[in-house]
Protein backbone atom coordinates (compact mmCIF):
# COMPACT_ATOMS: atom_id res chain seq x y z
CA MET A 1 6.92 10.51 -28.75
CA ILE A 2 6.82 10.61 -24.99
CA ALA A 3 9.24 13.58 -24.95
CA SER A 4 7.07 15.53 -27.33
CA SER A 5 3.90 14.77 -25.31
CA GLN A 6 5.58 15.83 -22.12
CA THR A 7 6.85 19.04 -23.81
CA LEU A 8 3.39 19.86 -25.04
CA LEU A 9 1.93 19.17 -21.60
CA GLY A 10 4.47 21.62 -20.15
CA VAL A 11 3.31 24.25 -22.63
CA ALA A 12 -0.37 23.75 -21.94
CA LEU A 13 -0.18 23.36 -18.18
CA GLY A 14 2.31 26.14 -17.94
CA TYR A 15 0.01 28.59 -19.70
CA ILE A 16 -2.94 27.60 -17.47
CA LEU A 17 -0.93 28.00 -14.24
CA PHE A 18 0.67 31.28 -15.22
CA SER A 19 -2.73 32.67 -16.19
CA ILE A 20 -4.23 31.52 -12.87
CA PHE A 21 -1.40 32.93 -10.69
CA GLU A 22 -1.20 36.11 -12.76
CA SER A 23 -4.86 36.82 -12.07
CA VAL A 24 -4.62 35.99 -8.34
CA VAL A 25 -1.33 37.90 -7.83
CA HIS A 26 -2.65 40.85 -9.75
CA LYS A 27 -5.93 40.99 -7.77
CA TYR A 28 -4.55 40.30 -4.21
CA LEU A 29 -1.06 41.87 -4.36
CA LEU A 30 -1.00 44.57 -7.04
CA HIS A 31 -4.43 45.82 -5.89
CA ALA A 32 -4.10 44.88 -2.29
CA LYS A 33 -6.29 46.17 0.52
CA TRP A 34 -4.88 48.38 3.34
CA TYR A 35 -4.77 45.54 5.90
CA ALA A 36 -2.65 43.44 3.56
CA ARG A 37 -0.26 46.25 3.07
CA SER A 38 0.01 46.86 6.77
CA TYR A 39 0.99 43.30 7.24
CA TRP A 40 3.68 43.50 4.59
CA ARG A 41 5.47 46.15 6.63
CA LYS A 42 6.37 43.41 9.07
CA LEU A 43 8.06 41.07 6.54
CA GLY A 44 11.28 42.92 5.91
CA TYR A 45 12.72 42.80 2.40
CA LEU A 46 9.98 40.55 1.01
CA GLY A 47 7.21 42.83 2.39
CA GLU A 48 8.98 45.91 1.00
CA TYR A 49 9.27 44.33 -2.42
CA ILE A 50 5.58 43.48 -2.44
CA PHE A 51 4.63 46.89 -1.22
CA ASN A 52 6.76 48.53 -3.92
CA SER A 53 5.17 46.34 -6.60
CA TRP A 54 1.71 47.49 -5.34
CA TYR A 55 2.82 51.17 -5.30
CA SER A 56 4.26 50.90 -8.79
CA HIS A 57 1.15 49.32 -10.20
CA HIS A 58 -1.87 50.47 -8.29
CA VAL A 59 -0.76 53.96 -7.26
CA VAL A 60 1.44 55.06 -10.18
CA HIS A 61 0.17 53.10 -13.11
CA HIS A 62 -3.56 53.30 -12.25
CA CYS A 63 -3.84 56.59 -10.31
CA LYS A 64 -0.98 58.89 -11.13
CA THR A 65 -0.77 58.17 -14.77
CA PHE A 66 -3.49 57.83 -17.50
CA LYS A 67 -5.58 60.34 -15.60
CA THR A 68 -7.33 61.68 -18.65
CA ASN A 69 -7.84 58.49 -20.52
CA HIS A 70 -6.49 55.05 -21.26
CA VAL A 71 -4.16 56.21 -24.02
CA THR A 72 -2.65 59.28 -22.53
CA LEU A 73 0.21 58.66 -20.06
CA PHE A 74 0.58 62.24 -18.90
CA ASP A 75 -1.52 65.35 -19.60
CA SER A 76 1.59 67.56 -19.81
CA GLU A 77 5.39 67.56 -19.43
CA GLN A 78 4.96 69.33 -16.04
CA GLN A 79 2.85 66.45 -14.67
CA GLU A 80 5.52 63.92 -15.72
CA LYS A 81 8.25 66.16 -14.21
CA GLU A 82 6.44 66.39 -10.89
CA LEU A 83 5.87 62.71 -10.65
CA ARG A 84 9.40 61.95 -11.68
CA GLN A 85 10.79 64.28 -9.04
CA PHE A 86 8.53 62.76 -6.39
CA LEU A 87 9.63 59.25 -7.12
CA ILE A 88 13.34 60.24 -7.18
CA GLU A 89 13.03 61.87 -3.79
CA ASN A 90 11.39 58.73 -2.36
CA ASN A 91 13.95 56.31 -3.81
CA LYS A 92 11.53 54.85 -6.39
CA GLU A 93 13.66 55.47 -9.55
CA GLN A 94 12.92 51.91 -10.72
CA ILE A 95 9.33 52.92 -11.36
CA ILE A 96 10.60 55.68 -13.75
CA LEU A 97 12.85 53.09 -15.50
CA SER A 98 9.80 50.85 -16.03
CA ARG A 99 8.06 53.75 -17.72
CA TYR A 100 5.66 54.24 -14.76
CA GLY A 101 4.54 50.65 -14.74
CA LEU A 102 4.10 50.18 -18.41
CA ARG A 103 7.03 47.66 -18.45
CA ILE A 104 8.68 45.32 -16.04
CA GLY A 105 12.18 46.88 -16.29
CA ASN A 106 15.69 45.41 -16.53
CA CYS A 107 16.74 41.80 -16.31
CA TYR A 108 16.90 41.84 -12.51
CA GLU A 109 13.35 43.16 -12.36
CA ARG A 110 12.21 40.52 -14.71
CA ILE A 111 13.54 37.86 -12.38
CA ARG A 112 11.89 39.57 -9.43
CA TYR A 113 8.68 39.63 -11.50
CA LEU A 114 8.63 35.85 -11.21
CA TYR A 115 9.05 35.74 -7.40
CA PRO A 116 5.35 34.89 -6.77
CA HIS A 117 5.65 31.96 -9.08
CA PHE A 118 8.86 30.29 -7.77
CA LEU A 119 7.18 27.75 -5.53
CA TRP A 120 4.75 26.29 -7.96
CA LEU A 121 7.38 26.48 -10.75
CA PHE A 122 9.69 24.36 -8.68
CA ILE A 123 7.04 21.83 -7.72
CA VAL A 124 5.76 21.22 -11.29
CA CYS A 125 9.09 21.26 -12.96
CA TYR A 126 10.53 18.88 -10.38
CA THR A 127 7.44 16.55 -10.84
CA GLY A 128 7.23 16.90 -14.62
CA GLY A 129 10.90 16.30 -15.54
CA ALA A 130 13.15 17.78 -18.10
CA TRP A 131 11.00 17.72 -21.27
CA PHE A 132 7.99 18.98 -19.27
CA THR A 133 10.17 21.80 -17.95
CA LEU A 134 11.34 22.70 -21.50
CA GLY A 135 7.82 23.07 -22.65
CA LEU A 136 6.98 25.21 -19.69
CA LEU A 137 9.63 27.66 -20.69
CA ILE A 138 7.48 28.80 -23.61
CA PRO A 139 4.57 30.22 -21.50
CA LEU A 140 7.09 31.48 -18.89
CA PHE A 141 8.84 33.63 -21.63
CA PHE A 142 5.48 34.51 -23.11
CA TYR A 143 4.36 35.80 -19.57
CA ILE A 144 7.37 38.10 -19.37
CA TRP A 145 7.22 39.11 -23.00
CA VAL A 146 3.59 40.27 -22.85
CA ALA A 147 4.16 42.38 -19.71
CA GLU A 148 7.37 43.86 -20.96
CA TYR A 149 6.81 44.44 -24.65
CA VAL A 150 3.06 44.08 -25.49
CA HIS A 151 1.49 45.99 -22.52
CA PRO A 152 2.73 49.43 -23.71
CA TYR A 153 1.07 48.99 -27.07
CA ILE A 154 -2.41 48.16 -25.55
CA HIS A 155 -2.22 51.70 -24.02
CA LEU A 156 -2.15 53.26 -27.51
CA PRO A 157 -4.80 53.94 -30.09
CA TYR A 158 -4.78 50.98 -32.51
CA ARG A 159 -3.46 52.96 -35.50
CA LYS A 160 -0.77 54.60 -33.49
CA ALA A 161 0.28 51.17 -32.15
CA ILE A 162 0.48 49.86 -35.70
CA ASP A 163 2.48 53.01 -36.84
CA THR A 164 4.99 52.99 -34.09
CA ALA A 165 5.56 49.28 -33.64
CA PRO A 166 8.52 47.50 -35.23
CA PRO A 167 7.61 44.89 -38.02
CA LEU A 168 7.28 41.78 -35.78
CA MET A 169 5.29 43.53 -33.14
CA ARG A 170 2.99 44.96 -35.88
CA LEU A 171 2.11 41.41 -36.73
CA VAL A 172 1.18 40.70 -33.10
CA ILE A 173 -0.89 43.83 -32.89
CA LYS A 174 -2.98 42.68 -35.93
CA THR A 175 -3.92 39.40 -34.12
CA ARG A 176 -7.25 38.76 -32.58
CA TYR A 177 -5.51 37.95 -29.26
CA PHE A 178 -4.00 41.45 -29.15
CA LYS A 179 -7.23 43.14 -30.11
CA TYR A 180 -9.24 41.32 -27.54
CA LEU A 181 -6.49 41.91 -25.00
CA ALA A 182 -6.69 45.69 -25.62
CA GLN A 183 -10.42 45.70 -24.86
CA HIS A 184 -9.92 43.42 -21.88
CA HIS A 185 -7.22 45.61 -20.42
CA TYR A 186 -9.21 48.85 -20.92
CA LEU A 187 -11.95 47.43 -18.73
CA HIS A 188 -9.54 46.57 -16.04
CA HIS A 189 -8.32 50.16 -15.91
CA LYS A 190 -11.85 51.51 -15.95
CA TYR A 191 -13.27 49.08 -13.27
CA ILE A 192 -10.03 47.81 -11.58
CA ASN A 193 -11.62 44.77 -9.79
CA CYS A 194 -11.83 42.63 -12.96
CA ASN A 195 -9.87 41.53 -16.05
CA PHE A 196 -6.43 41.03 -14.40
CA ASN A 197 -5.00 38.83 -16.97
CA LEU A 198 -2.49 39.77 -19.73
CA MET A 199 -2.23 35.97 -20.34
CA LEU A 200 -5.95 35.60 -21.19
CA GLY A 201 -7.89 32.75 -19.64
CA ALA A 202 -8.12 32.47 -15.82
CA ASP A 203 -10.24 35.56 -15.27
CA TRP A 204 -13.19 33.68 -16.78
CA PHE A 205 -13.23 30.63 -14.42
CA LEU A 206 -11.99 32.76 -11.41
CA GLY A 207 -15.09 34.97 -11.83
CA CYS A 208 -13.04 38.01 -12.50
CA HIS A 209 -13.99 38.60 -16.14
CA ARG A 210 -16.10 41.55 -17.31
CA SER A 211 -17.49 42.09 -20.79
CA PRO A 212 -17.93 45.71 -22.20
CA ASN A 213 -21.32 47.32 -22.15
CA LYS A 214 -22.57 49.66 -24.79
CA ASN A 215 -20.95 52.79 -23.24
CA ASP A 216 -17.66 51.05 -22.84
CA LEU A 217 -17.68 50.13 -26.60
CA ILE A 218 -18.39 53.65 -27.42
CA GLU A 219 -15.54 54.99 -25.19
CA MET A 220 -13.08 52.52 -26.66
CA ASN A 221 -14.18 53.49 -30.20
CA ASN A 222 -13.69 57.23 -29.33
CA LEU A 223 -10.18 56.44 -28.00
CA GLY A 224 -9.23 54.59 -31.25
CA LEU A 225 -8.86 51.24 -29.47
CA HIS A 226 -10.73 49.49 -32.32
CA GLU A 227 -9.43 48.89 -35.80
């Protein structure tokens, strides 16, 4: 009984903490201001990693791709070719492998994706014990899974996502969580300084949440983001 309670506590607290830290890291690192990026230059390898994460997400994923709309990665093959060549010439091939920020990347990149969480993960796991840690693994894997496998589908029209997804992912796409996440993420790309979570929750009580207005709903409907 105690073990199951500790495991459930790990699941619940893990989800809350991942959601909080995802929102904070997304806002202050992946969309960092110029003065923060200047400071990173002085931090060696760690600073370079953070800068590259910012570049991959803010510059490539938000500015150099999806220029036309939320569901069109590139306007043409030439546009992709030019960006690919630029990234190769600047030793940023990993961004290409992550599909220009749509995914995390290989196993090594998934471990690096957790870097901002290592300190609090160590503290809460050490404090909570083995069963608590076991429960916390569930939101940890969910955190990686959403960023790696679900994120690409929320950049597709709903029907195309259904038609191209494998059977298990198709079930996920039909859930209310996915449908709300697609709307939530669309607003992040449109307004940037809001709706940072893929693990929904923390944006609300951190004051970063934005709801769609009438024009937003019309635009999403025109892009096929609704069922």
